[in-house]
Every structure is written in C-alpha cells, then in structure tokens.
Amino acid sequence: MEPRHKPIRILLIEDESAIADTVVYSLDSEGFESIWHTTGEEGLAAFKELPPALVILDIGLPDAMAWICFTGCARFHWFQLFF
C-alpha cells in the first residue's frame, strides 16, 4: 500500500464566482486542496490561520484589500509574486 500524501493547499481570493468556480474545479480535479474566499479580509484571515503553499489573489477585489492582503501575507511568509 502506498503512503497517502496530504494534498497541497492553495488559497484562492477571488470575488467573481464564475472565475472562482472554474479555478476551484480545476485545482480539485488535479488533487489540490483549494480554499476559496471572496474578500481580502477573509483571505488574509485564512492565510494567517493555516498558511497555504500558494495564494491566487485577484488584484481587483471590490473591498480594495488586494495589496493589503498581499503585504499582510508577505509579513508571515516569503513567497513570489506573479502578475
């Protein structure tokens, strides 16, 4: 019997459900554990609670929290930023 590996956790912060549904479906289909939040505030709280391996962040969030969320995450862990 092969050992079971814990899936890689990916945090998606996206306010548009059509986009988020597609991304979550794709990630889950590939065996990732996706966590979706619709606001920067919720996403940052989720990041602090249980840091993921990757954050996919909508830079145009309606609560204007994208940059605050990014800098807040960067305080806790080093990571690369892709646009």
Protein backbone atom coordinates (compact mmCIF):
# COMPACT_ATOMS: atom_id res chain seq x y z
CA MET A 1 0.00 0.00 0.00
CA GLU A 2 1.36 3.42 -0.98
CA PRO A 3 1.56 6.11 1.69
CA ARG A 4 -1.13 8.76 1.37
CA HIS A 5 0.19 12.26 0.89
CA LYS A 6 -1.51 15.32 2.20
CA PRO A 7 -2.80 17.43 -0.72
CA ILE A 8 -1.13 20.76 -1.41
CA ARG A 9 -3.30 23.60 -0.10
CA ILE A 10 -4.00 26.54 -2.43
CA LEU A 11 -5.81 29.67 -1.29
CA LEU A 12 -7.90 31.46 -3.91
CA ILE A 13 -9.04 35.00 -3.15
CA GLU A 14 -11.50 35.94 -5.90
CA ASP A 15 -14.81 37.81 -5.75
CA GLU A 16 -16.28 36.59 -9.05
CA SER A 17 -17.93 33.21 -8.53
CA ALA A 18 -17.77 32.18 -12.21
CA ILE A 19 -13.98 32.55 -12.19
CA ALA A 20 -13.59 31.01 -8.75
CA ASP A 21 -15.78 28.00 -9.58
CA THR A 22 -13.64 27.23 -12.63
CA VAL A 23 -10.36 27.61 -10.75
CA VAL A 24 -11.55 25.56 -7.76
CA TYR A 25 -12.87 22.81 -10.04
CA SER A 26 -9.57 22.67 -11.93
CA LEU A 27 -7.45 22.60 -8.77
CA ASP A 28 -9.60 19.98 -7.07
CA SER A 29 -9.57 17.82 -10.23
CA GLU A 30 -5.78 17.81 -10.09
CA GLY A 31 -5.72 16.71 -6.44
CA PHE A 32 -5.05 20.04 -4.75
CA GLU A 33 -6.91 21.23 -1.68
CA SER A 34 -8.44 24.56 -2.69
CA ILE A 35 -9.79 27.11 -0.26
CA TRP A 36 -11.83 29.96 -1.71
CA HIS A 37 -12.61 33.33 -0.11
CA THR A 38 -14.34 36.28 -1.73
CA THR A 39 -12.74 39.18 0.15
CA GLY A 40 -9.20 40.18 1.00
CA GLU A 41 -10.10 40.35 4.68
CA GLU A 42 -11.38 36.74 4.72
CA GLY A 43 -8.45 35.56 2.62
CA LEU A 44 -5.87 37.16 4.88
CA ALA A 45 -7.52 35.63 7.96
CA ALA A 46 -7.46 32.21 6.29
CA PHE A 47 -3.80 32.70 5.35
CA LYS A 48 -2.86 33.53 8.92
CA GLU A 49 -4.83 30.59 10.32
CA LEU A 50 -3.36 27.92 8.07
CA PRO A 51 -0.79 29.17 5.52
CA PRO A 52 -1.19 27.59 2.08
CA ALA A 53 1.53 26.56 -0.35
CA LEU A 54 0.18 29.03 -2.94
CA VAL A 55 -2.09 32.07 -2.99
CA ILE A 56 -4.01 33.04 -6.12
CA LEU A 57 -5.06 36.63 -5.50
CA ASP A 58 -7.43 38.77 -7.58
CA ILE A 59 -5.76 42.17 -7.65
CA GLY A 60 -9.09 43.90 -8.37
CA LEU A 61 -11.04 42.95 -5.26
CA PRO A 62 -14.02 45.22 -4.54
CA ASP A 63 -13.03 45.68 -0.90
CA ALA A 64 -9.73 47.23 -2.10
CA MET A 65 -7.85 44.70 0.01
CA ALA A 66 -5.65 43.07 -2.64
CA TRP A 67 -2.46 44.99 -1.84
CA ILE A 68 -3.15 44.93 1.90
CA CYS A 69 -3.75 41.18 1.65
CA PHE A 70 -0.52 40.68 -0.29
CA THR A 71 1.60 42.70 2.13
CA GLY A 72 -0.11 41.02 5.09
CA CYS A 73 0.72 37.57 3.72
CA ALA A 74 4.29 38.66 2.99
CA ARG A 75 4.80 39.55 6.66
CA PHE A 76 4.21 35.94 7.65
CA HIS A 77 5.95 34.02 4.85
CA TRP A 78 8.28 34.62 1.96
CA PHE A 79 6.74 33.97 -1.41
CA GLN A 80 6.98 35.06 -5.01
CA LEU A 81 4.51 37.36 -6.71
CA PHE A 82 3.31 36.69 -10.24
CA PHE A 83 1.13 39.06 -12.31
